[in-house]
Full PDB file with SEQRES, HELIX, SHEET, SSBOND, CRYST1, ORIGX, SCALE, CONECT and MASTER records, all heavy atoms in Angstrom:
SEQRES   1 A   44  ASN VAL ASP ASP LYS ASP ARG ILE GLY ILE VAL GLY VAL          
SEQRES   2 A   44  ASN GLY SER GLY LYS SER THR LEU MET LYS LEU LEU SER          
SEQRES   3 A   44  LYS LYS ILE GLU PRO ASP GLU GLY ASN ILE GLN LEU TYR          
SEQRES   4 A   44  SER LYS PHE SER TYR                                          
HELIX    1 AA1 LYS A   18  LEU A   25  1                                   8    
CRYST1    1.000    1.000    1.000  90.00  90.00  90.00 P 1           1          
ORIGX1      1.000000  0.000000  0.000000        0.00000                         
ORIGX2      0.000000  1.000000  0.000000        0.00000                         
ORIGX3      0.000000  0.000000  1.000000        0.00000                         
SCALE1      1.000000  0.000000  0.000000        0.00000                         
SCALE2      0.000000  1.000000  0.000000        0.00000                         
SCALE3      0.000000  0.000000  1.000000        0.00000                         
ATOM      1  N   ASN A   1     -47.070  32.379  62.056  1.00  0.00           N  
ATOM      2  CA  ASN A   1     -46.331  33.521  62.508  1.00  0.00           C  
ATOM      3  C   ASN A   1     -44.937  33.223  62.959  1.00  0.00           C  
ATOM      4  O   ASN A   1     -44.704  32.050  63.424  1.00  0.00           O  
ATOM      5  CB  ASN A   1     -46.973  34.198  63.809  1.00  0.00           C  
ATOM      6  CG  ASN A   1     -48.446  34.722  63.356  1.00  0.00           C  
ATOM      7  OD1 ASN A   1     -48.774  34.989  62.245  1.00  0.00           O  
ATOM      8  ND2 ASN A   1     -49.267  34.773  64.333  1.00  0.00           N  
ATOM      9  N   VAL A   2     -44.020  34.141  62.825  1.00  0.00           N  
ATOM     10  CA  VAL A   2     -42.633  33.884  63.240  1.00  0.00           C  
ATOM     11  C   VAL A   2     -42.144  35.170  64.111  1.00  0.00           C  
ATOM     12  O   VAL A   2     -42.336  36.269  63.751  1.00  0.00           O  
ATOM     13  CB  VAL A   2     -41.703  33.826  61.995  1.00  0.00           C  
ATOM     14  CG1 VAL A   2     -40.257  33.713  62.447  1.00  0.00           C  
ATOM     15  CG2 VAL A   2     -42.131  32.674  61.059  1.00  0.00           C  
ATOM     16  N   ASP A   3     -41.562  34.723  65.345  1.00  0.00           N  
ATOM     17  CA  ASP A   3     -41.050  35.903  66.177  1.00  0.00           C  
ATOM     18  C   ASP A   3     -39.546  35.788  66.208  1.00  0.00           C  
ATOM     19  O   ASP A   3     -39.008  34.876  65.641  1.00  0.00           O  
ATOM     20  CB  ASP A   3     -41.787  35.913  67.467  1.00  0.00           C  
ATOM     21  CG  ASP A   3     -41.357  34.754  68.351  1.00  0.00           C  
ATOM     22  OD1 ASP A   3     -40.135  34.244  68.307  1.00  0.00           O  
ATOM     23  OD2 ASP A   3     -42.180  34.226  69.171  1.00  0.00           O  
ATOM     24  N   ASP A   4     -38.969  36.756  66.902  1.00  0.00           N  
ATOM     25  CA  ASP A   4     -37.593  36.925  66.882  1.00  0.00           C  
ATOM     26  C   ASP A   4     -36.781  35.797  67.617  1.00  0.00           C  
ATOM     27  O   ASP A   4     -35.534  35.781  67.493  1.00  0.00           O  
ATOM     28  CB  ASP A   4     -37.127  38.302  67.305  1.00  0.00           C  
ATOM     29  CG  ASP A   4     -37.673  38.536  68.801  1.00  0.00           C  
ATOM     30  OD1 ASP A   4     -38.547  37.748  69.335  1.00  0.00           O  
ATOM     31  OD2 ASP A   4     -37.117  39.516  69.435  1.00  0.00           O  
ATOM     32  N   LYS A   5     -37.442  34.943  68.473  1.00  0.00           N  
ATOM     33  CA  LYS A   5     -36.896  33.951  69.180  1.00  0.00           C  
ATOM     34  C   LYS A   5     -36.892  32.522  68.441  1.00  0.00           C  
ATOM     35  O   LYS A   5     -36.396  31.522  68.864  1.00  0.00           O  
ATOM     36  CB  LYS A   5     -37.406  33.730  70.490  1.00  0.00           C  
ATOM     37  CG  LYS A   5     -37.302  34.986  71.440  1.00  0.00           C  
ATOM     38  CD  LYS A   5     -35.910  35.235  71.797  1.00  0.00           C  
ATOM     39  CE  LYS A   5     -35.732  36.291  72.868  1.00  0.00           C  
ATOM     40  NZ  LYS A   5     -36.032  37.645  72.398  1.00  0.00           N  
ATOM     41  N   ASP A   6     -37.639  32.541  67.266  1.00  0.00           N  
ATOM     42  CA  ASP A   6     -37.841  31.273  66.597  1.00  0.00           C  
ATOM     43  C   ASP A   6     -36.680  30.890  65.766  1.00  0.00           C  
ATOM     44  O   ASP A   6     -36.054  31.645  65.016  1.00  0.00           O  
ATOM     45  CB  ASP A   6     -39.044  31.500  65.611  1.00  0.00           C  
ATOM     46  CG  ASP A   6     -40.433  31.420  66.407  1.00  0.00           C  
ATOM     47  OD1 ASP A   6     -40.482  30.884  67.454  1.00  0.00           O  
ATOM     48  OD2 ASP A   6     -41.398  31.946  65.769  1.00  0.00           O  
ATOM     49  N   ARG A   7     -36.411  29.566  65.825  1.00  0.00           N  
ATOM     50  CA  ARG A   7     -35.350  28.963  64.966  1.00  0.00           C  
ATOM     51  C   ARG A   7     -35.974  27.741  64.432  1.00  0.00           C  
ATOM     52  O   ARG A   7     -35.927  26.654  65.021  1.00  0.00           O  
ATOM     53  CB  ARG A   7     -34.101  28.688  65.801  1.00  0.00           C  
ATOM     54  CG  ARG A   7     -33.559  29.913  66.487  1.00  0.00           C  
ATOM     55  CD  ARG A   7     -32.476  29.535  67.631  1.00  0.00           C  
ATOM     56  NE  ARG A   7     -31.263  29.364  67.009  1.00  0.00           N  
ATOM     57  CZ  ARG A   7     -30.379  30.324  66.643  1.00  0.00           C  
ATOM     58  NH1 ARG A   7     -30.712  31.595  66.814  1.00  0.00           N  
ATOM     59  NH2 ARG A   7     -29.237  30.081  66.137  1.00  0.00           N  
ATOM     60  N   ILE A   8     -36.635  27.873  63.235  1.00  0.00           N  
ATOM     61  CA  ILE A   8     -37.448  26.967  62.645  1.00  0.00           C  
ATOM     62  C   ILE A   8     -36.776  26.092  61.603  1.00  0.00           C  
ATOM     63  O   ILE A   8     -36.278  26.655  60.628  1.00  0.00           O  
ATOM     64  CB  ILE A   8     -38.715  27.598  62.085  1.00  0.00           C  
ATOM     65  CG1 ILE A   8     -39.463  28.473  63.217  1.00  0.00           C  
ATOM     66  CG2 ILE A   8     -39.726  26.640  61.520  1.00  0.00           C  
ATOM     67  CD1 ILE A   8     -40.557  29.264  62.712  1.00  0.00           C  
ATOM     68  N   GLY A   9     -36.961  24.748  61.765  1.00  0.00           N  
ATOM     69  CA  GLY A   9     -36.442  23.837  60.640  1.00  0.00           C  
ATOM     70  C   GLY A   9     -37.642  23.399  59.864  1.00  0.00           C  
ATOM     71  O   GLY A   9     -38.649  22.975  60.433  1.00  0.00           O  
ATOM     72  N   ILE A  10     -37.576  23.552  58.514  1.00  0.00           N  
ATOM     73  CA  ILE A  10     -38.654  23.262  57.725  1.00  0.00           C  
ATOM     74  C   ILE A  10     -38.347  21.917  56.982  1.00  0.00           C  
ATOM     75  O   ILE A  10     -37.412  21.690  56.372  1.00  0.00           O  
ATOM     76  CB  ILE A  10     -38.948  24.310  56.625  1.00  0.00           C  
ATOM     77  CG1 ILE A  10     -39.231  25.661  57.284  1.00  0.00           C  
ATOM     78  CG2 ILE A  10     -40.114  23.944  55.698  1.00  0.00           C  
ATOM     79  CD1 ILE A  10     -39.406  26.717  56.315  1.00  0.00           C  
ATOM     80  N   VAL A  11     -39.240  20.883  57.222  1.00  0.00           N  
ATOM     81  CA  VAL A  11     -38.994  19.511  56.712  1.00  0.00           C  
ATOM     82  C   VAL A  11     -40.223  19.043  55.893  1.00  0.00           C  
ATOM     83  O   VAL A  11     -41.369  19.658  56.114  1.00  0.00           O  
ATOM     84  CB  VAL A  11     -38.721  18.566  57.800  1.00  0.00           C  
ATOM     85  CG1 VAL A  11     -37.571  18.985  58.708  1.00  0.00           C  
ATOM     86  CG2 VAL A  11     -39.909  18.350  58.786  1.00  0.00           C  
ATOM     87  N   GLY A  12     -39.992  18.170  55.084  1.00  0.00           N  
ATOM     88  CA  GLY A  12     -41.035  17.504  54.264  1.00  0.00           C  
ATOM     89  C   GLY A  12     -40.388  16.790  53.056  1.00  0.00           C  
ATOM     90  O   GLY A  12     -39.199  17.041  52.707  1.00  0.00           O  
ATOM     91  N   VAL A  13     -41.089  15.937  52.361  1.00  0.00           N  
ATOM     92  CA  VAL A  13     -40.520  15.082  51.321  1.00  0.00           C  
ATOM     93  C   VAL A  13     -40.194  16.046  50.098  1.00  0.00           C  
ATOM     94  O   VAL A  13     -40.656  17.189  50.030  1.00  0.00           O  
ATOM     95  CB  VAL A  13     -41.483  13.957  50.774  1.00  0.00           C  
ATOM     96  CG1 VAL A  13     -41.657  12.969  51.912  1.00  0.00           C  
ATOM     97  CG2 VAL A  13     -42.761  14.568  50.333  1.00  0.00           C  
ATOM     98  N   ASN A  14     -39.347  15.584  49.205  1.00  0.00           N  
ATOM     99  CA  ASN A  14     -39.062  16.459  47.994  1.00  0.00           C  
ATOM    100  C   ASN A  14     -40.436  16.745  47.234  1.00  0.00           C  
ATOM    101  O   ASN A  14     -41.174  15.858  47.060  1.00  0.00           O  
ATOM    102  CB  ASN A  14     -38.098  15.683  47.095  1.00  0.00           C  
ATOM    103  CG  ASN A  14     -36.695  15.418  47.671  1.00  0.00           C  
ATOM    104  OD1 ASN A  14     -36.345  16.196  48.493  1.00  0.00           O  
ATOM    105  ND2 ASN A  14     -36.024  14.475  47.124  1.00  0.00           N  
ATOM    106  N   GLY A  15     -40.499  18.031  46.870  1.00  0.00           N  
ATOM    107  CA  GLY A  15     -41.741  18.436  46.201  1.00  0.00           C  
ATOM    108  C   GLY A  15     -42.883  18.697  46.984  1.00  0.00           C  
ATOM    109  O   GLY A  15     -43.954  19.092  46.420  1.00  0.00           O  
ATOM    110  N   SER A  16     -42.686  18.813  48.346  1.00  0.00           N  
ATOM    111  CA  SER A  16     -43.869  19.057  49.140  1.00  0.00           C  
ATOM    112  C   SER A  16     -44.268  20.474  49.296  1.00  0.00           C  
ATOM    113  O   SER A  16     -45.310  20.859  49.693  1.00  0.00           O  
ATOM    114  CB  SER A  16     -43.602  18.529  50.615  1.00  0.00           C  
ATOM    115  OG  SER A  16     -42.490  19.116  51.168  1.00  0.00           O  
ATOM    116  N   GLY A  17     -43.288  21.360  48.924  1.00  0.00           N  
ATOM    117  CA  GLY A  17     -43.673  22.883  48.921  1.00  0.00           C  
ATOM    118  C   GLY A  17     -42.805  23.562  50.005  1.00  0.00           C  
ATOM    119  O   GLY A  17     -43.156  24.795  50.283  1.00  0.00           O  
ATOM    120  N   LYS A  18     -41.631  23.014  50.429  1.00  0.00           N  
ATOM    121  CA  LYS A  18     -40.829  23.791  51.432  1.00  0.00           C  
ATOM    122  C   LYS A  18     -40.249  25.054  50.913  1.00  0.00           C  
ATOM    123  O   LYS A  18     -40.349  26.081  51.568  1.00  0.00           O  
ATOM    124  CB  LYS A  18     -39.696  22.791  51.934  1.00  0.00           C  
ATOM    125  CG  LYS A  18     -40.171  21.561  52.521  1.00  0.00           C  
ATOM    126  CD  LYS A  18     -39.016  20.687  53.083  1.00  0.00           C  
ATOM    127  CE  LYS A  18     -37.983  20.197  51.996  1.00  0.00           C  
ATOM    128  NZ  LYS A  18     -38.562  19.225  51.040  1.00  0.00           N  
ATOM    129  N   SER A  19     -39.597  24.959  49.749  1.00  0.00           N  
ATOM    130  CA  SER A  19     -39.055  26.224  49.127  1.00  0.00           C  
ATOM    131  C   SER A  19     -40.138  27.230  48.795  1.00  0.00           C  
ATOM    132  O   SER A  19     -39.839  28.371  48.865  1.00  0.00           O  
ATOM    133  CB  SER A  19     -38.118  25.782  47.921  1.00  0.00           C  
ATOM    134  OG  SER A  19     -37.048  25.053  48.311  1.00  0.00           O  
ATOM    135  N   THR A  20     -41.156  26.762  48.337  1.00  0.00           N  
ATOM    136  CA  THR A  20     -42.385  27.628  47.987  1.00  0.00           C  
ATOM    137  C   THR A  20     -42.792  28.388  49.273  1.00  0.00           C  
ATOM    138  O   THR A  20     -42.993  29.581  49.197  1.00  0.00           O  
ATOM    139  CB  THR A  20     -43.554  26.855  47.401  1.00  0.00           C  
ATOM    140  OG1 THR A  20     -43.157  26.204  46.207  1.00  0.00           O  
ATOM    141  CG2 THR A  20     -44.723  27.726  47.089  1.00  0.00           C  
ATOM    142  N   LEU A  21     -42.929  27.666  50.408  1.00  0.00           N  
ATOM    143  CA  LEU A  21     -43.320  28.302  51.641  1.00  0.00           C  
ATOM    144  C   LEU A  21     -42.221  29.448  51.972  1.00  0.00           C  
ATOM    145  O   LEU A  21     -42.623  30.544  52.459  1.00  0.00           O  
ATOM    146  CB  LEU A  21     -43.401  27.299  52.762  1.00  0.00           C  
ATOM    147  CG  LEU A  21     -43.665  27.800  54.086  1.00  0.00           C  
ATOM    148  CD1 LEU A  21     -45.057  28.398  54.152  1.00  0.00           C  
ATOM    149  CD2 LEU A  21     -43.627  26.754  55.233  1.00  0.00           C  
ATOM    150  N   MET A  22     -40.928  29.132  51.844  1.00  0.00           N  
ATOM    151  CA  MET A  22     -39.963  30.107  52.232  1.00  0.00           C  
ATOM    152  C   MET A  22     -40.047  31.309  51.328  1.00  0.00           C  
ATOM    153  O   MET A  22     -39.824  32.461  51.823  1.00  0.00           O  
ATOM    154  CB  MET A  22     -38.588  29.391  52.157  1.00  0.00           C  
ATOM    155  CG  MET A  22     -37.524  30.274  52.731  1.00  0.00           C  
ATOM    156  SD  MET A  22     -35.908  29.347  52.880  1.00  0.00           S  
ATOM    157  CE  MET A  22     -36.119  28.558  54.364  1.00  0.00           C  
ATOM    158  N   LYS A  23     -40.221  31.080  50.087  1.00  0.00           N  
ATOM    159  CA  LYS A  23     -40.424  32.287  49.079  1.00  0.00           C  
ATOM    160  C   LYS A  23     -41.541  33.012  49.418  1.00  0.00           C  
ATOM    161  O   LYS A  23     -41.584  34.327  49.282  1.00  0.00           O  
ATOM    162  CB  LYS A  23     -40.422  31.760  47.669  1.00  0.00           C  
ATOM    163  CG  LYS A  23     -39.082  31.159  47.299  1.00  0.00           C  
ATOM    164  CD  LYS A  23     -39.203  30.637  45.832  1.00  0.00           C  
ATOM    165  CE  LYS A  23     -37.829  30.035  45.365  1.00  0.00           C  
ATOM    166  NZ  LYS A  23     -37.932  29.384  44.104  1.00  0.00           N  
ATOM    167  N   LEU A  24     -42.672  32.482  49.848  1.00  0.00           N  
ATOM    168  CA  LEU A  24     -43.928  33.173  50.173  1.00  0.00           C  
ATOM    169  C   LEU A  24     -43.605  34.019  51.443  1.00  0.00           C  
ATOM    170  O   LEU A  24     -43.949  35.300  51.453  1.00  0.00           O  
ATOM    171  CB  LEU A  24     -45.009  32.159  50.595  1.00  0.00           C  
ATOM    172  CG  LEU A  24     -45.810  31.515  49.453  1.00  0.00           C  
ATOM    173  CD1 LEU A  24     -46.628  30.400  49.925  1.00  0.00           C  
ATOM    174  CD2 LEU A  24     -46.593  32.567  48.634  1.00  0.00           C  
ATOM    175  N   LEU A  25     -43.007  33.462  52.500  1.00  0.00           N  
ATOM    176  CA  LEU A  25     -42.777  34.237  53.755  1.00  0.00           C  
ATOM    177  C   LEU A  25     -41.827  35.322  53.642  1.00  0.00           C  
ATOM    178  O   LEU A  25     -41.812  36.332  54.285  1.00  0.00           O  
ATOM    179  CB  LEU A  25     -42.307  33.184  54.921  1.00  0.00           C  
ATOM    180  CG  LEU A  25     -43.204  32.120  55.306  1.00  0.00           C  
ATOM    181  CD1 LEU A  25     -42.573  31.177  56.227  1.00  0.00           C  
ATOM    182  CD2 LEU A  25     -44.516  32.669  55.950  1.00  0.00           C  
ATOM    183  N   SER A  26     -40.889  35.157  52.686  1.00  0.00           N  
ATOM    184  CA  SER A  26     -39.898  36.195  52.399  1.00  0.00           C  
ATOM    185  C   SER A  26     -40.396  37.196  51.285  1.00  0.00           C  
ATOM    186  O   SER A  26     -39.647  38.092  50.904  1.00  0.00           O  
ATOM    187  CB  SER A  26     -38.565  35.595  51.898  1.00  0.00           C  
ATOM    188  OG  SER A  26     -38.739  34.807  50.756  1.00  0.00           O  
ATOM    189  N   LYS A  27     -41.605  36.986  50.813  1.00  0.00           N  
ATOM    190  CA  LYS A  27     -42.317  37.873  49.880  1.00  0.00           C  
ATOM    191  C   LYS A  27     -41.619  37.927  48.476  1.00  0.00           C  
ATOM    192  O   LYS A  27     -41.748  38.748  47.741  1.00  0.00           O  
ATOM    193  CB  LYS A  27     -42.248  39.383  50.360  1.00  0.00           C  
ATOM    194  CG  LYS A  27     -43.001  39.584  51.711  1.00  0.00           C  
ATOM    195  CD  LYS A  27     -44.470  39.401  51.602  1.00  0.00           C  
ATOM    196  CE  LYS A  27     -45.103  40.606  51.096  1.00  0.00           C  
ATOM    197  NZ  LYS A  27     -46.571  40.531  51.081  1.00  0.00           N  
ATOM    198  N   LYS A  28     -40.867  36.802  48.205  1.00  0.00           N  
ATOM    199  CA  LYS A  28     -40.229  36.653  46.888  1.00  0.00           C  
ATOM    200  C   LYS A  28     -41.335  36.239  45.868  1.00  0.00           C  
ATOM    201  O   LYS A  28     -41.234  36.640  44.688  1.00  0.00           O  
ATOM    202  CB  LYS A  28     -39.141  35.590  46.915  1.00  0.00           C  
ATOM    203  CG  LYS A  28     -37.876  36.017  47.510  1.00  0.00           C  
ATOM    204  CD  LYS A  28     -36.868  34.914  47.455  1.00  0.00           C  
ATOM    205  CE  LYS A  28     -35.459  35.446  47.899  1.00  0.00           C  
ATOM    206  NZ  LYS A  28     -34.757  36.306  46.985  1.00  0.00           N  
ATOM    207  N   ILE A  29     -42.355  35.606  46.326  1.00  0.00           N  
ATOM    208  CA  ILE A  29     -43.605  35.386  45.492  1.00  0.00           C  
ATOM    209  C   ILE A  29     -44.809  35.659  46.295  1.00  0.00           C  
ATOM    210  O   ILE A  29     -44.773  35.739  47.534  1.00  0.00           O  
ATOM    211  CB  ILE A  29     -43.595  33.871  45.078  1.00  0.00           C  
ATOM    212  CG1 ILE A  29     -43.715  32.943  46.217  1.00  0.00           C  
ATOM    213  CG2 ILE A  29     -42.469  33.592  44.045  1.00  0.00           C  
ATOM    214  CD1 ILE A  29     -43.852  31.406  45.799  1.00  0.00           C  
ATOM    215  N   GLU A  30     -45.867  35.946  45.607  1.00  0.00           N  
ATOM    216  CA  GLU A  30     -47.151  36.295  46.342  1.00  0.00           C  
ATOM    217  C   GLU A  30     -48.134  35.111  46.222  1.00  0.00           C  
ATOM    218  O   GLU A  30     -48.145  34.349  45.244  1.00  0.00           O  
ATOM    219  CB  GLU A  30     -47.817  37.447  45.587  1.00  0.00           C  
ATOM    220  CG  GLU A  30     -46.994  38.849  45.750  1.00  0.00           C  
ATOM    221  CD  GLU A  30     -46.961  39.274  47.268  1.00  0.00           C  
ATOM    222  OE1 GLU A  30     -47.958  39.102  47.958  1.00  0.00           O  
ATOM    223  OE2 GLU A  30     -45.921  39.864  47.640  1.00  0.00           O  
ATOM    224  N   PRO A  31     -48.872  34.962  47.352  1.00  0.00           N  
ATOM    225  CA  PRO A  31     -49.854  33.859  47.381  1.00  0.00           C  
ATOM    226  C   PRO A  31     -51.105  34.181  46.430  1.00  0.00           C  
ATOM    227  O   PRO A  31     -51.363  35.339  46.016  1.00  0.00           O  
ATOM    228  CB  PRO A  31     -50.362  33.809  48.799  1.00  0.00           C  
ATOM    229  CG  PRO A  31     -50.211  35.201  49.327  1.00  0.00           C  
ATOM    230  CD  PRO A  31     -49.001  35.780  48.580  1.00  0.00           C  
ATOM    231  N   ASP A  32     -51.873  33.154  46.017  1.00  0.00           N  
ATOM    232  CA  ASP A  32     -53.060  33.315  45.216  1.00  0.00           C  
ATOM    233  C   ASP A  32     -54.214  33.918  46.183  1.00  0.00           C  
ATOM    234  O   ASP A  32     -54.963  34.777  45.696  1.00  0.00           O  
ATOM    235  CB  ASP A  32     -53.583  32.031  44.645  1.00  0.00           C  
ATOM    236  CG  ASP A  32     -52.546  31.376  43.709  1.00  0.00           C  
ATOM    237  OD1 ASP A  32     -51.889  32.107  43.020  1.00  0.00           O  
ATOM    238  OD2 ASP A  32     -52.456  30.167  43.706  1.00  0.00           O  
ATOM    239  N   GLU A  33     -54.187  33.536  47.421  1.00  0.00           N  
ATOM    240  CA  GLU A  33     -55.070  33.987  48.388  1.00  0.00           C  
ATOM    241  C   GLU A  33     -54.334  34.205  49.747  1.00  0.00           C  
ATOM    242  O   GLU A  33     -53.327  33.610  49.962  1.00  0.00           O  
ATOM    243  CB  GLU A  33     -56.292  33.019  48.562  1.00  0.00           C  
ATOM    244  CG  GLU A  33     -57.148  32.723  47.316  1.00  0.00           C  
ATOM    245  CD  GLU A  33     -58.164  31.725  47.625  1.00  0.00           C  
ATOM    246  OE1 GLU A  33     -58.488  31.476  48.812  1.00  0.00           O  
ATOM    247  OE2 GLU A  33     -58.662  31.256  46.594  1.00  0.00           O  
ATOM    248  N   GLY A  34     -55.002  35.109  50.549  1.00  0.00           N  
ATOM    249  CA  GLY A  34     -54.401  35.221  51.945  1.00  0.00           C  
ATOM    250  C   GLY A  34     -53.467  36.555  52.022  1.00  0.00           C  
ATOM    251  O   GLY A  34     -53.324  37.199  51.052  1.00  0.00           O  
ATOM    252  N   ASN A  35     -52.997  36.719  53.215  1.00  0.00           N  
ATOM    253  CA  ASN A  35     -52.260  37.885  53.594  1.00  0.00           C  
ATOM    254  C   ASN A  35     -50.955  37.516  54.369  1.00  0.00           C  
ATOM    255  O   ASN A  35     -50.931  36.634  55.247  1.00  0.00           O  
ATOM    256  CB  ASN A  35     -53.112  38.704  54.424  1.00  0.00           C  
ATOM    257  CG  ASN A  35     -52.322  39.990  54.743  1.00  0.00           C  
ATOM    258  OD1 ASN A  35     -51.747  40.701  53.986  1.00  0.00           O  
ATOM    259  ND2 ASN A  35     -52.389  40.384  56.115  1.00  0.00           N  
ATOM    260  N   ILE A  36     -49.770  38.003  53.801  1.00  0.00           N  
ATOM    261  CA  ILE A  36     -48.493  37.816  54.459  1.00  0.00           C  
ATOM    262  C   ILE A  36     -47.855  39.138  54.709  1.00  0.00           C  
ATOM    263  O   ILE A  36     -47.672  39.946  53.868  1.00  0.00           O  
ATOM    264  CB  ILE A  36     -47.583  36.870  53.657  1.00  0.00           C  
ATOM    265  CG1 ILE A  36     -48.168  35.590  53.329  1.00  0.00           C  
ATOM    266  CG2 ILE A  36     -46.275  36.732  54.398  1.00  0.00           C  
ATOM    267  CD1 ILE A  36     -47.366  34.718  52.441  1.00  0.00           C  
ATOM    268  N   GLN A  37     -47.553  39.483  56.083  1.00  0.00           N  
ATOM    269  CA  GLN A  37     -46.944  40.702  56.455  1.00  0.00           C  
ATOM    270  C   GLN A  37     -45.514  40.352  56.974  1.00  0.00           C  
ATOM    271  O   GLN A  37     -45.430  39.500  57.826  1.00  0.00           O  
ATOM    272  CB  GLN A  37     -47.680  41.322  57.640  1.00  0.00           C  
ATOM    273  CG  GLN A  37     -49.100  41.720  57.249  1.00  0.00           C  
ATOM    274  CD  GLN A  37     -49.074  43.007  56.253  1.00  0.00           C  
ATOM    275  OE1 GLN A  37     -48.172  43.802  56.134  1.00  0.00           O  
ATOM    276  NE2 GLN A  37     -50.022  42.905  55.270  1.00  0.00           N  
ATOM    277  N   LEU A  38     -44.533  40.948  56.289  1.00  0.00           N  
ATOM    278  CA  LEU A  38     -43.119  40.787  56.668  1.00  0.00           C  
ATOM    279  C   LEU A  38     -42.654  42.072  57.346  1.00  0.00           C  
ATOM    280  O   LEU A  38     -42.601  43.171  56.698  1.00  0.00           O  
ATOM    281  CB  LEU A  38     -42.222  40.501  55.450  1.00  0.00           C  
ATOM    282  CG  LEU A  38     -40.732  40.249  55.583  1.00  0.00           C  
ATOM    283  CD1 LEU A  38     -40.453  39.158  56.577  1.00  0.00           C  
ATOM    284  CD2 LEU A  38     -40.172  40.002  54.225  1.00  0.00           C  
ATOM    285  N   TYR A  39     -42.320  42.121  58.619  1.00  0.00           N  
ATOM    286  CA  TYR A  39     -42.106  43.255  59.427  1.00  0.00           C  
ATOM    287  C   TYR A  39     -40.541  43.449  59.658  1.00  0.00           C  
ATOM    288  O   TYR A  39     -40.089  44.307  60.384  1.00  0.00           O  
ATOM    289  CB  TYR A  39     -42.718  43.155  60.815  1.00  0.00           C  
ATOM    290  CG  TYR A  39     -44.157  43.017  60.821  1.00  0.00           C  
ATOM    291  CD1 TYR A  39     -44.797  41.856  61.360  1.00  0.00           C  
ATOM    292  CD2 TYR A  39     -45.053  43.982  60.236  1.00  0.00           C  
ATOM    293  CE1 TYR A  39     -46.209  41.754  61.280  1.00  0.00           C  
ATOM    294  CE2 TYR A  39     -46.369  43.792  60.138  1.00  0.00           C  
ATOM    295  CZ  TYR A  39     -46.975  42.664  60.677  1.00  0.00           C  
ATOM    296  OH  TYR A  39     -48.367  42.495  60.649  1.00  0.00           O  
ATOM    297  N   SER A  40     -39.764  42.570  58.989  1.00  0.00           N  
ATOM    298  CA  SER A  40     -38.293  42.566  59.366  1.00  0.00           C  
ATOM    299  C   SER A  40     -37.437  42.507  58.111  1.00  0.00           C  
ATOM    300  O   SER A  40     -37.826  42.019  57.027  1.00  0.00           O  
ATOM    301  CB  SER A  40     -37.954  41.316  60.232  1.00  0.00           C  
ATOM    302  OG  SER A  40     -36.588  41.217  60.279  1.00  0.00           O  
ATOM    303  N   LYS A  41     -36.208  43.221  58.162  1.00  0.00           N  
ATOM    304  CA  LYS A  41     -35.254  42.947  57.121  1.00  0.00           C  
ATOM    305  C   LYS A  41     -34.660  41.644  57.286  1.00  0.00           C  
ATOM    306  O   LYS A  41     -34.681  41.023  58.379  1.00  0.00           O  
ATOM    307  CB  LYS A  41     -34.168  44.058  57.220  1.00  0.00           C  
ATOM    308  CG  LYS A  41     -34.694  45.426  56.928  1.00  0.00           C  
ATOM    309  CD  LYS A  41     -33.503  46.455  57.059  1.00  0.00           C  
ATOM    310  CE  LYS A  41     -33.966  47.814  56.632  1.00  0.00           C  
ATOM    311  NZ  LYS A  41     -32.889  48.839  56.757  1.00  0.00           N  
ATOM    312  N   PHE A  42     -34.151  41.053  56.180  1.00  0.00           N  
ATOM    313  CA  PHE A  42     -33.638  39.642  56.261  1.00  0.00           C  
ATOM    314  C   PHE A  42     -32.579  39.409  55.242  1.00  0.00           C  
ATOM    315  O   PHE A  42     -32.364  40.208  54.409  1.00  0.00           O  
ATOM    316  CB  PHE A  42     -34.852  38.644  56.044  1.00  0.00           C  
ATOM    317  CG  PHE A  42     -35.401  38.852  54.659  1.00  0.00           C  
ATOM    318  CD1 PHE A  42     -34.934  38.107  53.580  1.00  0.00           C  
ATOM    319  CD2 PHE A  42     -36.443  39.650  54.355  1.00  0.00           C  
ATOM    320  CE1 PHE A  42     -35.418  38.162  52.286  1.00  0.00           C  
ATOM    321  CE2 PHE A  42     -37.010  39.727  53.066  1.00  0.00           C  
ATOM    322  CZ  PHE A  42     -36.444  38.912  51.994  1.00  0.00           C  
ATOM    323  N   SER A  43     -31.887  38.267  55.530  1.00  0.00           N  
ATOM    324  CA  SER A  43     -30.956  37.746  54.543  1.00  0.00           C  
ATOM    325  C   SER A  43     -31.475  36.493  53.989  1.00  0.00           C  
ATOM    326  O   SER A  43     -32.151  35.645  54.824  1.00  0.00           O  
ATOM    327  CB  SER A  43     -29.516  37.449  55.225  1.00  0.00           C  
ATOM    328  OG  SER A  43     -28.928  38.621  55.657  1.00  0.00           O  
ATOM    329  N   TYR A  44     -31.285  36.105  52.715  1.00  0.00           N  
ATOM    330  CA  TYR A  44     -31.841  34.977  52.089  1.00  0.00           C  
ATOM    331  C   TYR A  44     -30.716  34.133  51.431  1.00  0.00           C  
ATOM    332  O   TYR A  44     -29.953  34.700  50.518  1.00  0.00           O  
ATOM    333  CB  TYR A  44     -32.837  35.357  51.055  1.00  0.00           C  
ATOM    334  CG  TYR A  44     -33.725  34.220  50.638  1.00  0.00           C  
ATOM    335  CD1 TYR A  44     -35.064  34.072  51.059  1.00  0.00           C  
ATOM    336  CD2 TYR A  44     -33.269  33.318  49.676  1.00  0.00           C  
ATOM    337  CE1 TYR A  44     -35.888  33.006  50.672  1.00  0.00           C  
ATOM    338  CE2 TYR A  44     -34.081  32.221  49.167  1.00  0.00           C  
ATOM    339  CZ  TYR A  44     -35.335  32.115  49.785  1.00  0.00           C  
ATOM    340  OH  TYR A  44     -36.131  31.093  49.303  1.00  0.00           O  
TER     341      TYR A  44                                                      
MASTER        0    0    0    1    0    0    0    6  340    1    0    4          
END                                                                             
């Protein structure tokens, strides 16, 4: 979950899935399983 006070740095080795996670959370791509709710407008 992400709330309005979070300032989150995403780290990991190259190819670990950082950009994929960001695209999932921003609804640019959909997961194979699970549920993601985006309640806010955003800039990417």
